[in-house]
Amino acid sequence: MTPKVVVLVLSYNGKYLLEDALNSYLKNDYDNYKILVIDNGSSDGTEEYVKENFKNVIVRRIEKNQGYSGGFNFGLNAAFNEMDADFALITNNDVIADKNIIAELVKVATTDEKIGFTTGKVYFNDKKDTLQTVGMSYDPVRINGGHIGNAEVDNGQYDEVCERYFADDVFTMVNKKLYKEIGGYDTEFVLQAEQFDWQMRAKEKGYKIMFTPYAKLWHKESMTIGKHSSTKLYYDARNPMIVLLKYTDVKVFKKYFWLHFRQDTFRASLVNVKHLNLKIGISIWGGFFSGVYWGIRNNKLTLKHIF
């Protein structure tokens, strides 16, 4: 038998997005998979909508929103401990998946039991041939160097199956073995950088992150919280700092701290204040100081990390 895959679609008040996402996954050319929609405390009738319109899709409701990490942890538990999946495919609700996406991910994920995560090409939905990400690079200061291929037209320049240092979790296939050994997301992160932390934890245990160009998906991008929302920018300022505090030494963090302070916090907040986006400017500083406070509270941040 082919490995069993459970596709996990997390949705918070995203009923209007589900038709495209679910129909694309239902068309997949793979013979052993289920789709599980996690209704993450929605108030828009998501659970009823899925039950009425998608008879082949399972929906589970969480009464109170658990955030991105908590919502997916609920789904991962269901996939691996209740539905006996071999792999769980984490995916957003604002996507359209290629019909071969599951089969192509499985093809690579099953080549080595130490492959913890497998991903592929993410395109912008409004620019069908333009890449959003094909994985993420390494940076000696930030560690997570950002998206590879962002805004590039796909001319076949990333058509090789290979290992990546990190990957976005717009879609990523997760190995059951990894989940059983290290668990799922750390809910400290709520949203943003949650995959960065999870993948750092996995890499410490020897797991690999793989990319295949034959698994493709089109992303509508940040439809739930907004690409430039104050909530997103708060966690963008906070969460990568926490990851660096957890996994790097004093010397590395000191370089990161001052780069983060100058570019991601001071400069970004100043630009927003100049454009009268005061709420966003305040949110960026709030996220920065929340990360500092986390480090102090958890005995991870001392004066040596800064000066």
C-alpha atoms as a PDB file:
ATOM      1  CA  MET A   1       0.000   0.000   0.000  1.00  0.00           C
ATOM      2  CA  THR A   2       1.057   3.587  -0.599  1.00  0.00           C
ATOM      3  CA  PRO A   3       1.711   5.633   2.556  1.00  0.00           C
ATOM      4  CA  LYS A   4      -1.342   7.238   4.114  1.00  0.00           C
ATOM      5  CA  VAL A   5      -1.386  11.039   3.966  1.00  0.00           C
ATOM      6  CA  VAL A   6      -3.677  13.386   5.876  1.00  0.00           C
ATOM      7  CA  VAL A   7      -3.886  16.875   4.378  1.00  0.00           C
ATOM      8  CA  LEU A   8      -4.332  19.422   7.165  1.00  0.00           C
ATOM      9  CA  VAL A   9      -6.096  22.665   6.193  1.00  0.00           C
ATOM     10  CA  LEU A  10      -6.255  25.222   8.999  1.00  0.00           C
ATOM     11  CA  SER A  11      -8.957  27.861   8.690  1.00  0.00           C
ATOM     12  CA  TYR A  12      -9.953  30.787  10.870  1.00  0.00           C
ATOM     13  CA  ASN A  13     -12.928  32.669   9.412  1.00  0.00           C
ATOM     14  CA  GLY A  14     -11.693  31.625   5.985  1.00  0.00           C
ATOM     15  CA  LYS A  15     -14.799  29.933   4.649  1.00  0.00           C
ATOM     16  CA  TYR A  16     -14.620  32.054   1.499  1.00  0.00           C
ATOM     17  CA  LEU A  17     -11.176  30.604   0.701  1.00  0.00           C
ATOM     18  CA  LEU A  18     -11.964  26.924   1.146  1.00  0.00           C
ATOM     19  CA  GLU A  19     -13.713  26.187  -2.147  1.00  0.00           C
ATOM     20  CA  ASP A  20     -10.548  26.666  -4.230  1.00  0.00           C
ATOM     21  CA  ALA A  21      -8.241  24.962  -1.729  1.00  0.00           C
ATOM     22  CA  LEU A  22     -10.381  21.904  -1.043  1.00  0.00           C
ATOM     23  CA  ASN A  23     -11.400  21.340  -4.651  1.00  0.00           C
ATOM     24  CA  SER A  24      -7.749  21.418  -5.726  1.00  0.00           C
ATOM     25  CA  TYR A  25      -6.738  18.835  -3.118  1.00  0.00           C
ATOM     26  CA  LEU A  26      -9.777  16.663  -3.888  1.00  0.00           C
ATOM     27  CA  LYS A  27      -8.536  16.425  -7.486  1.00  0.00           C
ATOM     28  CA  ASN A  28      -5.203  14.993  -6.395  1.00  0.00           C
ATOM     29  CA  ASP A  29      -3.954  11.950  -8.226  1.00  0.00           C
ATOM     30  CA  TYR A  30      -3.044   9.883  -5.162  1.00  0.00           C
ATOM     31  CA  ASP A  31      -4.857   6.818  -3.857  1.00  0.00           C
ATOM     32  CA  ASN A  32      -4.434   6.963  -0.063  1.00  0.00           C
ATOM     33  CA  TYR A  33      -5.211  10.319   1.502  1.00  0.00           C
ATOM     34  CA  LYS A  34      -7.780  12.179   3.573  1.00  0.00           C
ATOM     35  CA  ILE A  35      -8.402  15.894   3.957  1.00  0.00           C
ATOM     36  CA  LEU A  36      -8.971  17.294   7.441  1.00  0.00           C
ATOM     37  CA  VAL A  37     -10.137  20.884   7.856  1.00  0.00           C
ATOM     38  CA  ILE A  38      -9.398  22.361  11.272  1.00  0.00           C
ATOM     39  CA  ASP A  39     -11.977  25.034  12.067  1.00  0.00           C
ATOM     40  CA  ASN A  40      -9.899  27.157  14.431  1.00  0.00           C
ATOM     41  CA  GLY A  41     -12.684  28.851  16.409  1.00  0.00           C
ATOM     42  CA  SER A  42     -14.288  30.471  13.356  1.00  0.00           C
ATOM     43  CA  SER A  43     -17.490  32.514  13.614  1.00  0.00           C
ATOM     44  CA  ASP A  44     -18.314  32.377   9.889  1.00  0.00           C
ATOM     45  CA  GLY A  45     -19.931  28.922   9.786  1.00  0.00           C
ATOM     46  CA  THR A  46     -16.858  27.106   8.456  1.00  0.00           C
ATOM     47  CA  GLU A  47     -17.745  23.754  10.024  1.00  0.00           C
ATOM     48  CA  GLU A  48     -21.277  23.747   8.625  1.00  0.00           C
ATOM     49  CA  TYR A  49     -20.060  24.924   5.214  1.00  0.00           C
ATOM     50  CA  VAL A  50     -17.568  22.070   4.874  1.00  0.00           C
ATOM     51  CA  LYS A  51     -20.066  19.443   6.068  1.00  0.00           C
ATOM     52  CA  GLU A  52     -22.699  20.629   3.606  1.00  0.00           C
ATOM     53  CA  ASN A  53     -20.489  21.132   0.557  1.00  0.00           C
ATOM     54  CA  PHE A  54     -17.601  18.669   0.840  1.00  0.00           C
ATOM     55  CA  LYS A  55     -18.841  15.212   1.772  1.00  0.00           C
ATOM     56  CA  ASN A  56     -15.391  13.662   1.299  1.00  0.00           C
ATOM     57  CA  VAL A  57     -13.674  16.112   3.634  1.00  0.00           C
ATOM     58  CA  ILE A  58     -13.435  15.687   7.418  1.00  0.00           C
ATOM     59  CA  VAL A  59     -13.866  18.786   9.542  1.00  0.00           C
ATOM     60  CA  ARG A  60     -12.986  19.181  13.231  1.00  0.00           C
ATOM     61  CA  ARG A  61     -13.832  22.302  15.191  1.00  0.00           C
ATOM     62  CA  ILE A  62     -11.848  23.948  17.969  1.00  0.00           C
ATOM     63  CA  GLU A  63     -14.200  26.162  19.942  1.00  0.00           C
ATOM     64  CA  LYS A  64     -11.575  28.786  20.843  1.00  0.00           C
ATOM     65  CA  ASN A  65      -8.934  29.945  18.357  1.00  0.00           C
ATOM     66  CA  GLN A  66      -5.619  28.302  19.248  1.00  0.00           C
ATOM     67  CA  GLY A  67      -3.477  30.341  16.872  1.00  0.00           C
ATOM     68  CA  TYR A  68      -1.563  28.937  13.916  1.00  0.00           C
ATOM     69  CA  SER A  69       0.677  26.646  15.951  1.00  0.00           C
ATOM     70  CA  GLY A  70      -2.000  25.389  18.312  1.00  0.00           C
ATOM     71  CA  GLY A  71      -4.463  24.814  15.494  1.00  0.00           C
ATOM     72  CA  PHE A  72      -2.034  22.745  13.474  1.00  0.00           C
ATOM     73  CA  ASN A  73      -0.926  20.826  16.581  1.00  0.00           C
ATOM     74  CA  PHE A  74      -4.572  19.822  17.006  1.00  0.00           C
ATOM     75  CA  GLY A  75      -4.558  18.553  13.419  1.00  0.00           C
ATOM     76  CA  LEU A  76      -1.209  16.782  13.731  1.00  0.00           C
ATOM     77  CA  ASN A  77      -2.438  14.911  16.792  1.00  0.00           C
ATOM     78  CA  ALA A  78      -5.560  13.844  14.912  1.00  0.00           C
ATOM     79  CA  ALA A  79      -3.591  12.793  11.812  1.00  0.00           C
ATOM     80  CA  PHE A  80      -0.922  10.738  13.556  1.00  0.00           C
ATOM     81  CA  ASN A  81      -2.635   9.483  16.708  1.00  0.00           C
ATOM     82  CA  GLU A  82      -6.232   9.018  15.543  1.00  0.00           C
ATOM     83  CA  MET A  83      -6.112   8.582  11.764  1.00  0.00           C
ATOM     84  CA  ASP A  84      -2.857   6.582  11.672  1.00  0.00           C
ATOM     85  CA  ALA A  85      -1.266   8.688   8.941  1.00  0.00           C
ATOM     86  CA  ASP A  86       2.272   8.055   7.747  1.00  0.00           C
ATOM     87  CA  PHE A  87       2.599  11.680   6.682  1.00  0.00           C
ATOM     88  CA  ALA A  88       0.687  14.879   7.379  1.00  0.00           C
ATOM     89  CA  LEU A  89       0.627  17.592   4.739  1.00  0.00           C
ATOM     90  CA  ILE A  90       0.387  20.988   6.424  1.00  0.00           C
ATOM     91  CA  THR A  91      -1.154  23.522   4.071  1.00  0.00           C
ATOM     92  CA  ASN A  92      -2.809  26.932   4.165  1.00  0.00           C
ATOM     93  CA  ASN A  93      -6.422  27.586   3.241  1.00  0.00           C
ATOM     94  CA  ASP A  94      -5.515  30.342   0.746  1.00  0.00           C
ATOM     95  CA  VAL A  95      -3.921  28.019  -1.810  1.00  0.00           C
ATOM     96  CA  ILE A  96      -4.562  26.083  -5.002  1.00  0.00           C
ATOM     97  CA  ALA A  97      -2.620  22.811  -5.177  1.00  0.00           C
ATOM     98  CA  ASP A  98      -1.424  20.964  -8.265  1.00  0.00           C
ATOM     99  CA  LYS A  99      -3.078  17.586  -8.787  1.00  0.00           C
ATOM    100  CA  ASN A 100       0.257  15.770  -8.326  1.00  0.00           C
ATOM    101  CA  ILE A 101       1.376  17.574  -5.193  1.00  0.00           C
ATOM    102  CA  ILE A 102       0.768  14.712  -2.743  1.00  0.00           C
ATOM    103  CA  ALA A 103       2.284  12.010  -4.949  1.00  0.00           C
ATOM    104  CA  GLU A 104       5.396  14.068  -5.666  1.00  0.00           C
ATOM    105  CA  LEU A 105       5.966  14.913  -2.003  1.00  0.00           C
ATOM    106  CA  VAL A 106       5.567  11.272  -0.985  1.00  0.00           C
ATOM    107  CA  LYS A 107       7.974  10.182  -3.723  1.00  0.00           C
ATOM    108  CA  VAL A 108      10.765  12.219  -2.100  1.00  0.00           C
ATOM    109  CA  ALA A 109       9.710  11.896   1.558  1.00  0.00           C
ATOM    110  CA  THR A 110       9.916   8.090   1.436  1.00  0.00           C
ATOM    111  CA  THR A 111      13.498   7.945   0.172  1.00  0.00           C
ATOM    112  CA  ASP A 112      15.026   8.431   3.645  1.00  0.00           C
ATOM    113  CA  GLU A 113      13.495   8.067   7.108  1.00  0.00           C
ATOM    114  CA  LYS A 114      15.535  11.088   8.258  1.00  0.00           C
ATOM    115  CA  ILE A 115      13.656  13.378   5.899  1.00  0.00           C
ATOM    116  CA  GLY A 116      11.480  15.268   8.359  1.00  0.00           C
ATOM    117  CA  PHE A 117       9.929  17.856   6.049  1.00  0.00           C
ATOM    118  CA  THR A 118       9.350  17.916   2.291  1.00  0.00           C
ATOM    119  CA  THR A 119       8.171  20.908   0.291  1.00  0.00           C
ATOM    120  CA  GLY A 120       8.129  22.210  -3.274  1.00  0.00           C
ATOM    121  CA  LYS A 121       7.477  25.253  -5.435  1.00  0.00           C
ATOM    122  CA  VAL A 122       5.166  27.986  -4.155  1.00  0.00           C
ATOM    123  CA  TYR A 123       3.940  30.448  -6.778  1.00  0.00           C
ATOM    124  CA  PHE A 124       2.051  33.704  -6.366  1.00  0.00           C
ATOM    125  CA  ASN A 125      -1.563  33.034  -7.272  1.00  0.00           C
ATOM    126  CA  ASP A 126      -1.948  36.332  -9.125  1.00  0.00           C
ATOM    127  CA  LYS A 127       1.271  35.727 -11.104  1.00  0.00           C
ATOM    128  CA  LYS A 128       1.032  32.081 -12.038  1.00  0.00           C
ATOM    129  CA  ASP A 129       4.601  31.660 -13.287  1.00  0.00           C
ATOM    130  CA  THR A 130       6.290  33.749 -10.553  1.00  0.00           C
ATOM    131  CA  LEU A 131       7.793  32.055  -7.531  1.00  0.00           C
ATOM    132  CA  GLN A 132       7.121  33.047  -3.956  1.00  0.00           C
ATOM    133  CA  THR A 133       9.520  30.505  -2.460  1.00  0.00           C
ATOM    134  CA  VAL A 134      11.368  27.282  -3.251  1.00  0.00           C
ATOM    135  CA  GLY A 135      12.848  26.932   0.215  1.00  0.00           C
ATOM    136  CA  MET A 136      14.882  29.133   2.519  1.00  0.00           C
ATOM    137  CA  SER A 137      18.603  29.779   2.709  1.00  0.00           C
ATOM    138  CA  TYR A 138      21.158  29.962   5.515  1.00  0.00           C
ATOM    139  CA  ASP A 139      22.424  33.297   6.836  1.00  0.00           C
ATOM    140  CA  PRO A 140      25.423  33.492   9.207  1.00  0.00           C
ATOM    141  CA  VAL A 141      23.732  36.141  11.395  1.00  0.00           C
ATOM    142  CA  ARG A 142      19.981  35.644  11.076  1.00  0.00           C
ATOM    143  CA  ILE A 143      20.422  31.861  10.550  1.00  0.00           C
ATOM    144  CA  ASN A 144      17.228  31.841   8.473  1.00  0.00           C
ATOM    145  CA  GLY A 145      18.334  33.674   5.358  1.00  0.00           C
ATOM    146  CA  GLY A 146      14.926  34.125   3.776  1.00  0.00           C
ATOM    147  CA  HIS A 147      13.187  32.884   0.655  1.00  0.00           C
ATOM    148  CA  ILE A 148      15.028  31.398  -2.283  1.00  0.00           C
ATOM    149  CA  GLY A 149      13.608  32.359  -5.678  1.00  0.00           C
ATOM    150  CA  ASN A 150      11.228  35.036  -4.391  1.00  0.00           C
ATOM    151  CA  ALA A 151       9.686  37.101  -7.227  1.00  0.00           C
ATOM    152  CA  GLU A 152      11.610  35.184  -9.893  1.00  0.00           C
ATOM    153  CA  VAL A 153       9.831  33.921 -13.005  1.00  0.00           C
ATOM    154  CA  ASP A 154      10.152  30.139 -13.071  1.00  0.00           C
ATOM    155  CA  ASN A 155      12.370  29.274 -16.002  1.00  0.00           C
ATOM    156  CA  GLY A 156      13.456  25.917 -14.623  1.00  0.00           C
ATOM    157  CA  GLN A 157      16.299  27.351 -12.542  1.00  0.00           C
ATOM    158  CA  TYR A 158      15.156  25.368  -9.473  1.00  0.00           C
ATOM    159  CA  ASP A 159      14.292  22.054 -11.142  1.00  0.00           C
ATOM    160  CA  GLU A 160      16.465  19.813  -8.987  1.00  0.00           C
ATOM    161  CA  VAL A 161      15.429  17.694  -6.000  1.00  0.00           C
ATOM    162  CA  CYS A 162      17.709  18.816  -3.168  1.00  0.00           C
ATOM    163  CA  GLU A 163      18.079  19.477   0.539  1.00  0.00           C
ATOM    164  CA  ARG A 164      17.189  22.919   1.884  1.00  0.00           C
ATOM    165  CA  TYR A 165      18.379  24.588   5.056  1.00  0.00           C
ATOM    166  CA  PHE A 166      14.855  25.772   5.920  1.00  0.00           C
ATOM    167  CA  ALA A 167      11.460  25.884   4.227  1.00  0.00           C
ATOM    168  CA  ASP A 168       8.290  27.922   4.550  1.00  0.00           C
ATOM    169  CA  ASP A 169       5.278  25.957   5.748  1.00  0.00           C
ATOM    170  CA  VAL A 170       2.798  27.308   3.201  1.00  0.00           C
ATOM    171  CA  PHE A 171       2.884  23.608   2.450  1.00  0.00           C
ATOM    172  CA  THR A 172       5.141  20.995   3.957  1.00  0.00           C
ATOM    173  CA  MET A 173       4.847  17.227   4.346  1.00  0.00           C
ATOM    174  CA  VAL A 174       5.740  16.031   7.850  1.00  0.00           C
ATOM    175  CA  ASN A 175       7.128  12.590   8.642  1.00  0.00           C
ATOM    176  CA  LYS A 176       5.323  10.671  11.409  1.00  0.00           C
ATOM    177  CA  LYS A 177       8.673   9.517  12.799  1.00  0.00           C
ATOM    178  CA  LEU A 178       9.744  13.127  13.311  1.00  0.00           C
ATOM    179  CA  TYR A 179       6.462  14.016  14.995  1.00  0.00           C
ATOM    180  CA  LYS A 180       6.674  11.067  17.379  1.00  0.00           C
ATOM    181  CA  GLU A 181      10.247  11.997  18.329  1.00  0.00           C
ATOM    182  CA  ILE A 182      10.079  15.789  18.754  1.00  0.00           C
ATOM    183  CA  GLY A 183       6.383  16.706  18.650  1.00  0.00           C
ATOM    184  CA  GLY A 184       4.824  19.536  16.671  1.00  0.00           C
ATOM    185  CA  TYR A 185       4.952  23.312  16.771  1.00  0.00           C
ATOM    186  CA  ASP A 186       5.936  25.204  19.910  1.00  0.00           C
ATOM    187  CA  THR A 187       2.787  27.174  20.768  1.00  0.00           C
ATOM    188  CA  GLU A 188       4.934  29.937  22.270  1.00  0.00           C
ATOM    189  CA  PHE A 189       5.087  31.273  18.718  1.00  0.00           C
ATOM    190  CA  VAL A 190       1.311  31.499  18.013  1.00  0.00           C
ATOM    191  CA  LEU A 191       2.164  32.516  14.435  1.00  0.00           C
ATOM    192  CA  GLN A 192       5.265  33.626  12.467  1.00  0.00           C
ATOM    193  CA  ALA A 193       8.638  31.806  12.767  1.00  0.00           C
ATOM    194  CA  GLU A 194       6.868  28.713  14.118  1.00  0.00           C
ATOM    195  CA  GLN A 195       8.315  26.592  11.298  1.00  0.00           C
ATOM    196  CA  PHE A 196      11.772  28.143  11.859  1.00  0.00           C
ATOM    197  CA  ASP A 197      11.735  26.910  15.462  1.00  0.00           C
ATOM    198  CA  TRP A 198      10.325  23.470  14.567  1.00  0.00           C
ATOM    199  CA  GLN A 199      12.881  22.939  11.824  1.00  0.00           C
ATOM    200  CA  MET A 200      15.766  24.044  14.066  1.00  0.00           C
ATOM    201  CA  ARG A 201      14.600  21.492  16.642  1.00  0.00           C
ATOM    202  CA  ALA A 202      14.353  18.803  13.959  1.00  0.00           C
ATOM    203  CA  LYS A 203      17.808  19.568  12.546  1.00  0.00           C
ATOM    204  CA  GLU A 204      19.292  19.125  16.020  1.00  0.00           C
ATOM    205  CA  LYS A 205      17.981  15.528  15.845  1.00  0.00           C
ATOM    206  CA  GLY A 206      19.485  14.934  12.414  1.00  0.00           C
ATOM    207  CA  TYR A 207      16.349  15.412  10.297  1.00  0.00           C
ATOM    208  CA  LYS A 208      16.551  16.886   6.809  1.00  0.00           C
ATOM    209  CA  ILE A 209      14.363  19.316   4.880  1.00  0.00           C
ATOM    210  CA  MET A 210      13.889  18.372   1.239  1.00  0.00           C
ATOM    211  CA  PHE A 211      12.671  20.278  -1.807  1.00  0.00           C
ATOM    212  CA  THR A 212      11.132  18.806  -4.940  1.00  0.00           C
ATOM    213  CA  PRO A 213      10.329  20.986  -7.971  1.00  0.00           C
ATOM    214  CA  TYR A 214       7.547  18.625  -9.024  1.00  0.00           C
ATOM    215  CA  ALA A 215       5.255  19.518  -6.080  1.00  0.00           C
ATOM    216  CA  LYS A 216       3.575  22.815  -6.944  1.00  0.00           C
ATOM    217  CA  LEU A 217       1.121  25.175  -5.263  1.00  0.00           C
ATOM    218  CA  TRP A 218      -0.259  28.671  -5.874  1.00  0.00           C
ATOM    219  CA  HIS A 219      -0.607  30.930  -2.814  1.00  0.00           C
ATOM    220  CA  LYS A 220      -2.967  33.875  -2.353  1.00  0.00           C
ATOM    221  CA  GLU A 221      -0.641  35.097   0.456  1.00  0.00           C
ATOM    222  CA  SER A 222      -1.559  36.188   3.991  1.00  0.00           C
ATOM    223  CA  MET A 223      -5.312  36.256   3.401  1.00  0.00           C
ATOM    224  CA  THR A 224      -6.179  35.479   7.040  1.00  0.00           C
ATOM    225  CA  ILE A 225      -4.100  38.013   8.986  1.00  0.00           C
ATOM    226  CA  GLY A 226      -2.952  40.355   6.216  1.00  0.00           C
ATOM    227  CA  LYS A 227       0.528  40.723   4.750  1.00  0.00           C
ATOM    228  CA  HIS A 228       1.223  44.028   6.553  1.00  0.00           C
ATOM    229  CA  SER A 229      -1.032  43.671   9.572  1.00  0.00           C
ATOM    230  CA  SER A 230       0.119  44.925  12.964  1.00  0.00           C
ATOM    231  CA  THR A 231      -0.338  41.404  14.378  1.00  0.00           C
ATOM    232  CA  LYS A 232       1.952  39.845  11.774  1.00  0.00           C
ATOM    233  CA  LEU A 233       4.616  42.525  12.199  1.00  0.00           C
ATOM    234  CA  TYR A 234       4.502  42.191  15.994  1.00  0.00           C
ATOM    235  CA  TYR A 235       5.332  38.485  15.757  1.00  0.00           C
ATOM    236  CA  ASP A 236       7.859  39.091  12.961  1.00  0.00           C
ATOM    237  CA  ALA A 237       9.760  41.325  15.387  1.00  0.00           C
ATOM    238  CA  ARG A 238       9.377  38.974  18.355  1.00  0.00           C
ATOM    239  CA  ASN A 239       9.603  35.361  17.270  1.00  0.00           C
ATOM    240  CA  PRO A 240      12.838  35.065  15.264  1.00  0.00           C
ATOM    241  CA  MET A 241      14.621  36.600  18.265  1.00  0.00           C
ATOM    242  CA  ILE A 242      13.279  33.827  20.486  1.00  0.00           C
ATOM    243  CA  VAL A 243      14.426  31.144  18.027  1.00  0.00           C
ATOM    244  CA  LEU A 244      17.940  32.607  17.992  1.00  0.00           C
ATOM    245  CA  LEU A 245      17.985  32.739  21.804  1.00  0.00           C
ATOM    246  CA  LYS A 246      16.976  29.080  21.959  1.00  0.00           C
ATOM    247  CA  TYR A 247      19.446  27.664  19.468  1.00  0.00           C
ATOM    248  CA  THR A 248      22.498  29.937  19.062  1.00  0.00           C
ATOM    249  CA  ASP A 249      25.392  30.992  21.261  1.00  0.00           C
ATOM    250  CA  VAL A 250      26.128  34.420  22.744  1.00  0.00           C
ATOM    251  CA  LYS A 251      28.488  35.471  19.943  1.00  0.00           C
ATOM    252  CA  VAL A 252      25.983  34.748  17.167  1.00  0.00           C
ATOM    253  CA  PHE A 253      23.061  36.287  19.027  1.00  0.00           C
ATOM    254  CA  LYS A 254      24.922  39.528  19.766  1.00  0.00           C
ATOM    255  CA  LYS A 255      25.436  40.136  16.026  1.00  0.00           C
ATOM    256  CA  TYR A 256      21.808  39.267  15.352  1.00  0.00           C
ATOM    257  CA  PHE A 257      20.465  41.485  18.139  1.00  0.00           C
ATOM    258  CA  TRP A 258      22.043  44.694  16.834  1.00  0.00           C
ATOM    259  CA  LEU A 259      21.170  43.919  13.215  1.00  0.00           C
ATOM    260  CA  HIS A 260      17.600  43.184  14.244  1.00  0.00           C
ATOM    261  CA  PHE A 261      17.444  46.348  16.370  1.00  0.00           C
ATOM    262  CA  ARG A 262      18.743  48.639  13.620  1.00  0.00           C
ATOM    263  CA  GLN A 263      17.028  47.209  10.553  1.00  0.00           C
ATOM    264  CA  ASP A 264      13.955  45.228  11.565  1.00  0.00           C
ATOM    265  CA  THR A 265      12.851  47.353  14.502  1.00  0.00           C
ATOM    266  CA  PHE A 266      14.196  50.926  14.521  1.00  0.00           C
ATOM    267  CA  ARG A 267      14.267  51.501  10.766  1.00  0.00           C
ATOM    268  CA  ALA A 268      11.022  49.639  10.033  1.00  0.00           C
ATOM    269  CA  SER A 269       9.115  51.421  12.792  1.00  0.00           C
ATOM    270  CA  LEU A 270      10.507  54.806  11.712  1.00  0.00           C
ATOM    271  CA  VAL A 271       9.346  54.261   8.125  1.00  0.00           C
ATOM    272  CA  ASN A 272       5.849  53.393   9.332  1.00  0.00           C
ATOM    273  CA  VAL A 273       5.668  56.386  11.683  1.00  0.00           C
ATOM    274  CA  LYS A 274       6.692  58.685   8.805  1.00  0.00           C
ATOM    275  CA  HIS A 275       3.771  57.272   6.818  1.00  0.00           C
ATOM    276  CA  LEU A 276       1.476  57.782   9.834  1.00  0.00           C
ATOM    277  CA  ASN A 277       1.166  54.038  10.430  1.00  0.00           C
ATOM    278  CA  LEU A 278       1.543  54.600  14.151  1.00  0.00           C
ATOM    279  CA  LYS A 279      -0.180  51.361  15.151  1.00  0.00           C
ATOM    280  CA  ILE A 280       2.232  49.315  13.066  1.00  0.00           C
ATOM    281  CA  GLY A 281       5.234  51.207  14.401  1.00  0.00           C
ATOM    282  CA  ILE A 282       4.120  50.549  17.969  1.00  0.00           C
ATOM    283  CA  SER A 283       3.469  46.871  17.166  1.00  0.00           C
ATOM    284  CA  ILE A 284       7.003  46.403  15.841  1.00  0.00           C
ATOM    285  CA  TRP A 285       8.522  47.847  19.016  1.00  0.00           C
ATOM    286  CA  GLY A 286       6.079  45.828  21.111  1.00  0.00           C
ATOM    287  CA  GLY A 287       7.203  42.621  19.419  1.00  0.00           C
ATOM    288  CA  PHE A 288      10.868  43.507  19.889  1.00  0.00           C
ATOM    289  CA  PHE A 289      10.495  44.155  23.613  1.00  0.00           C
ATOM    290  CA  SER A 290       8.304  41.071  24.019  1.00  0.00           C
ATOM    291  CA  GLY A 291      11.171  38.996  22.609  1.00  0.00           C
ATOM    292  CA  VAL A 292      13.614  40.650  25.003  1.00  0.00           C
ATOM    293  CA  TYR A 293      11.274  39.995  27.912  1.00  0.00           C
ATOM    294  CA  TRP A 294      10.909  36.336  26.896  1.00  0.00           C
ATOM    295  CA  GLY A 295      14.679  35.964  26.944  1.00  0.00           C
ATOM    296  CA  ILE A 296      15.011  37.517  30.400  1.00  0.00           C
ATOM    297  CA  ARG A 297      12.078  35.571  31.840  1.00  0.00           C
ATOM    298  CA  ASN A 298      13.433  32.258  30.531  1.00  0.00           C
ATOM    299  CA  ASN A 299      17.046  32.946  31.576  1.00  0.00           C
ATOM    300  CA  LYS A 300      18.172  32.977  27.947  1.00  0.00           C
ATOM    301  CA  LEU A 301      19.108  36.638  27.639  1.00  0.00           C
ATOM    302  CA  THR A 302      21.836  38.326  29.665  1.00  0.00           C
ATOM    303  CA  LEU A 303      23.959  41.447  29.188  1.00  0.00           C
ATOM    304  CA  LYS A 304      26.581  39.248  27.510  1.00  0.00           C
ATOM    305  CA  HIS A 305      24.120  38.622  24.679  1.00  0.00           C
ATOM    306  CA  ILE A 306      23.920  42.359  23.958  1.00  0.00           C
ATOM    307  CA  PHE A 307      27.145  44.099  25.022  1.00  0.00           C
END
